[in-house]
PDB file of all heavy atoms in Angstrom:
ATOM      1  N   PHE A   1     147.520 116.058  38.564  1.00  0.00           N
ATOM      2  CA  PHE A   1     148.846 116.458  38.102  1.00  0.00           C
ATOM      3  C   PHE A   1     149.462 117.598  38.896  1.00  0.00           C
ATOM      4  O   PHE A   1     150.654 117.840  38.824  1.00  0.00           O
ATOM      5  CB  PHE A   1     148.840 116.790  36.619  1.00  0.00           C
ATOM      6  CG  PHE A   1     148.552 115.568  35.767  1.00  0.00           C
ATOM      7  CD1 PHE A   1     147.292 115.306  35.259  1.00  0.00           C
ATOM      8  CD2 PHE A   1     149.576 114.647  35.486  1.00  0.00           C
ATOM      9  CE1 PHE A   1     147.042 114.167  34.519  1.00  0.00           C
ATOM     10  CE2 PHE A   1     149.332 113.538  34.729  1.00  0.00           C
ATOM     11  CZ  PHE A   1     148.047 113.270  34.227  1.00  0.00           C
ATOM     12  N   SER A   2     148.629 118.349  39.616  1.00  0.00           N
ATOM     13  CA  SER A   2     149.155 119.516  40.388  1.00  0.00           C
ATOM     14  C   SER A   2     149.357 119.234  41.842  1.00  0.00           C
ATOM     15  O   SER A   2     150.210 119.863  42.446  1.00  0.00           O
ATOM     16  CB  SER A   2     148.209 120.700  40.200  1.00  0.00           C
ATOM     17  OG  SER A   2     146.960 120.413  40.796  1.00  0.00           O
ATOM     18  N   GLN A   3     148.647 118.294  42.403  1.00  0.00           N
ATOM     19  CA  GLN A   3     148.819 117.942  43.797  1.00  0.00           C
ATOM     20  C   GLN A   3     150.186 117.294  44.040  1.00  0.00           C
ATOM     21  O   GLN A   3     150.689 116.476  43.243  1.00  0.00           O
ATOM     22  CB  GLN A   3     147.732 116.954  44.244  1.00  0.00           C
ATOM     23  CG  GLN A   3     147.623 116.743  45.715  1.00  0.00           C
ATOM     24  CD  GLN A   3     146.414 115.930  46.103  1.00  0.00           C
ATOM     25  OE1 GLN A   3     145.780 115.313  45.268  1.00  0.00           O
ATOM     26  NE2 GLN A   3     146.159 115.886  47.364  1.00  0.00           N
ATOM     27  N   LYS A   4     150.805 117.675  45.118  1.00  0.00           N
ATOM     28  CA  LYS A   4     152.166 117.130  45.430  1.00  0.00           C
ATOM     29  C   LYS A   4     152.187 116.672  46.872  1.00  0.00           C
ATOM     30  O   LYS A   4     151.435 117.158  47.718  1.00  0.00           O
ATOM     31  CB  LYS A   4     153.241 118.235  45.255  1.00  0.00           C
ATOM     32  CG  LYS A   4     153.266 118.799  43.819  1.00  0.00           C
ATOM     33  CD  LYS A   4     153.719 117.811  42.810  1.00  0.00           C
ATOM     34  CE  LYS A   4     153.714 118.488  41.414  1.00  0.00           C
ATOM     35  NZ  LYS A   4     153.429 117.582  40.358  1.00  0.00           N
ATOM     36  N   GLY A   5     153.121 115.795  47.197  1.00  0.00           N
ATOM     37  CA  GLY A   5     153.417 115.440  48.574  1.00  0.00           C
ATOM     38  C   GLY A   5     152.455 114.513  49.274  1.00  0.00           C
ATOM     39  O   GLY A   5     152.506 114.362  50.486  1.00  0.00           O
ATOM     40  N   VAL A   6     151.566 113.902  48.529  1.00  0.00           N
ATOM     41  CA  VAL A   6     150.673 112.924  49.118  1.00  0.00           C
ATOM     42  C   VAL A   6     151.533 111.756  49.664  1.00  0.00           C
ATOM     43  O   VAL A   6     152.490 111.310  48.966  1.00  0.00           O
ATOM     44  CB  VAL A   6     149.632 112.378  48.103  1.00  0.00           C
ATOM     45  CG1 VAL A   6     148.786 111.282  48.711  1.00  0.00           C
ATOM     46  CG2 VAL A   6     148.822 113.533  47.539  1.00  0.00           C
ATOM     47  N   SER A   7     151.265 111.293  50.819  1.00  0.00           N
ATOM     48  CA  SER A   7     152.112 110.261  51.403  1.00  0.00           C
ATOM     49  C   SER A   7     152.037 108.933  50.662  1.00  0.00           C
ATOM     50  O   SER A   7     151.029 108.664  50.000  1.00  0.00           O
ATOM     51  CB  SER A   7     151.734 109.987  52.907  1.00  0.00           C
ATOM     52  OG  SER A   7     150.495 109.316  52.937  1.00  0.00           O
ATOM     53  N   ARG A   8     153.089 108.176  50.759  1.00  0.00           N
ATOM     54  CA  ARG A   8     153.095 106.831  50.170  1.00  0.00           C
ATOM     55  C   ARG A   8     151.920 106.011  50.640  1.00  0.00           C
ATOM     56  O   ARG A   8     151.242 105.351  49.906  1.00  0.00           O
ATOM     57  CB  ARG A   8     154.413 106.101  50.510  1.00  0.00           C
ATOM     58  CG  ARG A   8     154.466 104.724  49.926  1.00  0.00           C
ATOM     59  CD  ARG A   8     155.589 103.791  50.480  1.00  0.00           C
ATOM     60  NE  ARG A   8     156.751 104.460  50.960  1.00  0.00           N
ATOM     61  CZ  ARG A   8     157.990 104.277  50.481  1.00  0.00           C
ATOM     62  NH1 ARG A   8     158.210 103.503  49.472  1.00  0.00           N
ATOM     63  NH2 ARG A   8     158.996 104.840  51.067  1.00  0.00           N
ATOM     64  N   ALA A   9     151.675 106.091  51.997  1.00  0.00           N
ATOM     65  CA  ALA A   9     150.546 105.324  52.558  1.00  0.00           C
ATOM     66  C   ALA A   9     149.204 105.698  51.911  1.00  0.00           C
ATOM     67  O   ALA A   9     148.380 104.804  51.664  1.00  0.00           O
ATOM     68  CB  ALA A   9     150.517 105.525  54.066  1.00  0.00           C
ATOM     69  N   GLU A  10     149.009 107.002  51.717  1.00  0.00           N
ATOM     70  CA  GLU A  10     147.763 107.408  51.098  1.00  0.00           C
ATOM     71  C   GLU A  10     147.655 106.996  49.612  1.00  0.00           C
ATOM     72  O   GLU A  10     146.601 106.588  49.170  1.00  0.00           O
ATOM     73  CB  GLU A  10     147.609 108.894  51.233  1.00  0.00           C
ATOM     74  CG  GLU A  10     146.199 109.388  50.741  1.00  0.00           C
ATOM     75  CD  GLU A  10     145.932 110.850  50.964  1.00  0.00           C
ATOM     76  OE1 GLU A  10     146.692 111.553  51.684  1.00  0.00           O
ATOM     77  OE2 GLU A  10     144.977 111.374  50.355  1.00  0.00           O
ATOM     78  N   LEU A  11     148.777 107.095  48.905  1.00  0.00           N
ATOM     79  CA  LEU A  11     148.787 106.603  47.508  1.00  0.00           C
ATOM     80  C   LEU A  11     148.433 105.102  47.436  1.00  0.00           C
ATOM     81  O   LEU A  11     147.705 104.663  46.594  1.00  0.00           O
ATOM     82  CB  LEU A  11     150.135 106.906  46.862  1.00  0.00           C
ATOM     83  CG  LEU A  11     150.459 108.381  46.613  1.00  0.00           C
ATOM     84  CD1 LEU A  11     151.912 108.536  46.183  1.00  0.00           C
ATOM     85  CD2 LEU A  11     149.518 109.043  45.625  1.00  0.00           C
ATOM     86  N   ILE A  12     149.055 104.340  48.356  1.00  0.00           N
ATOM     87  CA  ILE A  12     148.771 102.916  48.407  1.00  0.00           C
ATOM     88  C   ILE A  12     147.329 102.626  48.723  1.00  0.00           C
ATOM     89  O   ILE A  12     146.677 101.780  48.126  1.00  0.00           O
ATOM     90  CB  ILE A  12     149.761 102.200  49.334  1.00  0.00           C
ATOM     91  CG1 ILE A  12     151.178 102.212  48.710  1.00  0.00           C
ATOM     92  CG2 ILE A  12     149.284 100.804  49.672  1.00  0.00           C
ATOM     93  CD1 ILE A  12     152.283 101.700  49.629  1.00  0.00           C
ATOM     94  N   GLN A  13     146.794 103.402  49.685  1.00  0.00           N
ATOM     95  CA  GLN A  13     145.404 103.184  50.099  1.00  0.00           C
ATOM     96  C   GLN A  13     144.463 103.518  48.923  1.00  0.00           C
ATOM     97  O   GLN A  13     143.492 102.808  48.692  1.00  0.00           O
ATOM     98  CB  GLN A  13     145.076 104.127  51.284  1.00  0.00           C
ATOM     99  CG  GLN A  13     143.643 103.999  51.847  1.00  0.00           C
ATOM    100  CD  GLN A  13     142.676 104.882  51.075  1.00  0.00           C
ATOM    101  OE1 GLN A  13     142.934 105.962  50.613  1.00  0.00           O
ATOM    102  NE2 GLN A  13     141.458 104.293  50.861  1.00  0.00           N
ATOM    103  N   LYS A  14     144.777 104.577  48.181  1.00  0.00           N
ATOM    104  CA  LYS A  14     143.952 104.970  47.040  1.00  0.00           C
ATOM    105  C   LYS A  14     144.015 103.863  45.968  1.00  0.00           C
ATOM    106  O   LYS A  14     143.040 103.549  45.298  1.00  0.00           O
ATOM    107  CB  LYS A  14     144.390 106.284  46.439  1.00  0.00           C
ATOM    108  CG  LYS A  14     144.045 107.510  47.283  1.00  0.00           C
ATOM    109  CD  LYS A  14     144.615 108.778  46.675  1.00  0.00           C
ATOM    110  CE  LYS A  14     144.270 109.968  47.495  1.00  0.00           C
ATOM    111  NZ  LYS A  14     142.909 110.373  47.490  1.00  0.00           N
ATOM    112  N   THR A  15     145.206 103.305  45.763  1.00  0.00           N
ATOM    113  CA  THR A  15     145.404 102.224  44.810  1.00  0.00           C
ATOM    114  C   THR A  15     144.616 100.993  45.235  1.00  0.00           C
ATOM    115  O   THR A  15     143.951 100.356  44.422  1.00  0.00           O
ATOM    116  CB  THR A  15     146.893 101.876  44.626  1.00  0.00           C
ATOM    117  OG1 THR A  15     147.604 103.073  44.221  1.00  0.00           O
ATOM    118  CG2 THR A  15     147.093 100.817  43.602  1.00  0.00           C
ATOM    119  N   GLU A  16     144.706 100.632  46.496  1.00  0.00           N
ATOM    120  CA  GLU A  16     143.946  99.464  46.992  1.00  0.00           C
ATOM    121  C   GLU A  16     142.433  99.672  46.867  1.00  0.00           C
ATOM    122  O   GLU A  16     141.703  98.726  46.458  1.00  0.00           O
ATOM    123  CB  GLU A  16     144.305  99.199  48.454  1.00  0.00           C
ATOM    124  CG  GLU A  16     145.718  98.637  48.656  1.00  0.00           C
ATOM    125  CD  GLU A  16     146.185  98.564  50.119  1.00  0.00           C
ATOM    126  OE1 GLU A  16     145.593  99.274  50.932  1.00  0.00           O
ATOM    127  OE2 GLU A  16     147.113  97.810  50.361  1.00  0.00           O
ATOM    128  N   ALA A  17     141.978 100.857  47.153  1.00  0.00           N
ATOM    129  CA  ALA A  17     140.500 101.140  46.965  1.00  0.00           C
ATOM    130  C   ALA A  17     140.119 101.058  45.525  1.00  0.00           C
ATOM    131  O   ALA A  17     139.057 100.560  45.200  1.00  0.00           O
ATOM    132  CB  ALA A  17     140.232 102.517  47.535  1.00  0.00           C
ATOM    133  N   THR A  18     140.987 101.489  44.637  1.00  0.00           N
ATOM    134  CA  THR A  18     140.711 101.429  43.200  1.00  0.00           C
ATOM    135  C   THR A  18     140.690  99.938  42.752  1.00  0.00           C
ATOM    136  O   THR A  18     139.829  99.611  41.902  1.00  0.00           O
ATOM    137  CB  THR A  18     141.755 102.250  42.402  1.00  0.00           C
ATOM    138  OG1 THR A  18     141.704 103.568  42.871  1.00  0.00           O
ATOM    139  CG2 THR A  18     141.501 102.180  40.913  1.00  0.00           C
ATOM    140  N   ILE A  19     141.578  99.119  43.273  1.00  0.00           N
ATOM    141  CA  ILE A  19     141.513  97.715  42.938  1.00  0.00           C
ATOM    142  C   ILE A  19     140.134  97.108  43.263  1.00  0.00           C
ATOM    143  O   ILE A  19     139.532  96.377  42.465  1.00  0.00           O
ATOM    144  CB  ILE A  19     142.622  96.929  43.699  1.00  0.00           C
ATOM    145  CG1 ILE A  19     144.009  97.282  43.206  1.00  0.00           C
ATOM    146  CG2 ILE A  19     142.352  95.421  43.612  1.00  0.00           C
ATOM    147  CD1 ILE A  19     145.164  96.794  44.036  1.00  0.00           C
ATOM    148  N   GLN A  20     139.630  97.487  44.424  1.00  0.00           N
ATOM    149  CA  GLN A  20     138.258  96.964  44.839  1.00  0.00           C
ATOM    150  C   GLN A  20     137.177  97.476  43.904  1.00  0.00           C
ATOM    151  O   GLN A  20     136.302  96.696  43.554  1.00  0.00           O
ATOM    152  CB  GLN A  20     138.023  97.371  46.264  1.00  0.00           C
ATOM    153  CG  GLN A  20     138.977  96.819  47.298  1.00  0.00           C
ATOM    154  CD  GLN A  20     139.048  95.296  47.283  1.00  0.00           C
ATOM    155  OE1 GLN A  20     138.062  94.602  47.262  1.00  0.00           O
ATOM    156  NE2 GLN A  20     140.259  94.760  47.211  1.00  0.00           N
ATOM    157  N   VAL A  21     137.199  98.743  43.578  1.00  0.00           N
ATOM    158  CA  VAL A  21     136.192  99.304  42.705  1.00  0.00           C
ATOM    159  C   VAL A  21     136.226  98.614  41.340  1.00  0.00           C
ATOM    160  O   VAL A  21     135.188  98.194  40.816  1.00  0.00           O
ATOM    161  CB  VAL A  21     136.388 100.862  42.565  1.00  0.00           C
ATOM    162  CG1 VAL A  21     135.492 101.432  41.412  1.00  0.00           C
ATOM    163  CG2 VAL A  21     136.039 101.538  43.854  1.00  0.00           C
ATOM    164  N   VAL A  22     137.431  98.561  40.731  1.00  0.00           N
ATOM    165  CA  VAL A  22     137.542  97.999  39.420  1.00  0.00           C
ATOM    166  C   VAL A  22     137.074  96.543  39.414  1.00  0.00           C
ATOM    167  O   VAL A  22     136.278  96.129  38.566  1.00  0.00           O
ATOM    168  CB  VAL A  22     139.008  98.119  38.880  1.00  0.00           C
ATOM    169  CG1 VAL A  22     139.225  97.291  37.627  1.00  0.00           C
ATOM    170  CG2 VAL A  22     139.324  99.590  38.645  1.00  0.00           C
ATOM    171  N   ASP A  23     137.481  95.776  40.372  1.00  0.00           N
ATOM    172  CA  ASP A  23     137.075  94.388  40.458  1.00  0.00           C
ATOM    173  C   ASP A  23     135.587  94.214  40.653  1.00  0.00           C
ATOM    174  O   ASP A  23     134.992  93.379  39.995  1.00  0.00           O
ATOM    175  CB  ASP A  23     137.863  93.651  41.528  1.00  0.00           C
ATOM    176  CG  ASP A  23     137.728  92.160  41.387  1.00  0.00           C
ATOM    177  OD1 ASP A  23     138.182  91.592  40.369  1.00  0.00           O
ATOM    178  OD2 ASP A  23     137.126  91.519  42.262  1.00  0.00           O
ATOM    179  N   ARG A  24     135.018  95.036  41.505  1.00  0.00           N
ATOM    180  CA  ARG A  24     133.567  94.944  41.729  1.00  0.00           C
ATOM    181  C   ARG A  24     132.805  95.305  40.500  1.00  0.00           C
ATOM    182  O   ARG A  24     131.825  94.605  40.121  1.00  0.00           O
ATOM    183  CB  ARG A  24     133.165  95.845  42.906  1.00  0.00           C
ATOM    184  CG  ARG A  24     131.685  95.709  43.296  1.00  0.00           C
ATOM    185  CD  ARG A  24     131.306  96.523  44.554  1.00  0.00           C
ATOM    186  NE  ARG A  24     131.429  97.964  44.230  1.00  0.00           N
ATOM    187  CZ  ARG A  24     132.324  98.787  44.785  1.00  0.00           C
ATOM    188  NH1 ARG A  24     133.233  98.304  45.619  1.00  0.00           N
ATOM    189  NH2 ARG A  24     132.366 100.030  44.484  1.00  0.00           N
ATOM    190  N   VAL A  25     133.170  96.350  39.803  1.00  0.00           N
ATOM    191  CA  VAL A  25     132.467  96.762  38.598  1.00  0.00           C
ATOM    192  C   VAL A  25     132.541  95.683  37.506  1.00  0.00           C
ATOM    193  O   VAL A  25     131.562  95.256  36.926  1.00  0.00           O
ATOM    194  CB  VAL A  25     133.003  98.102  38.055  1.00  0.00           C
ATOM    195  CG1 VAL A  25     132.409  98.414  36.649  1.00  0.00           C
ATOM    196  CG2 VAL A  25     132.633  99.210  38.989  1.00  0.00           C
ATOM    197  N   LEU A  26     133.762  95.176  37.275  1.00  0.00           N
ATOM    198  CA  LEU A  26     133.930  94.130  36.260  1.00  0.00           C
ATOM    199  C   LEU A  26     133.226  92.824  36.646  1.00  0.00           C
ATOM    200  O   LEU A  26     132.700  92.128  35.764  1.00  0.00           O
ATOM    201  CB  LEU A  26     135.431  93.901  35.989  1.00  0.00           C
ATOM    202  CG  LEU A  26     136.113  95.089  35.324  1.00  0.00           C
ATOM    203  CD1 LEU A  26     137.645  94.791  35.189  1.00  0.00           C
ATOM    204  CD2 LEU A  26     135.521  95.473  33.979  1.00  0.00           C
ATOM    205  N   ALA A  27     133.213  92.501  37.932  1.00  0.00           N
ATOM    206  CA  ALA A  27     132.528  91.271  38.378  1.00  0.00           C
ATOM    207  C   ALA A  27     131.039  91.326  38.153  1.00  0.00           C
ATOM    208  O   ALA A  27     130.393  90.275  37.959  1.00  0.00           O
ATOM    209  CB  ALA A  27     132.836  91.041  39.850  1.00  0.00           C
TER     210      ALA A  27
END
């Protein structure tokens, strides 16, 4: 909540990595 200015590309990369983690754990 305090970090600011992270690039769109980095936010998308973090989201994509999270998709992989969540899917792997649930699988």
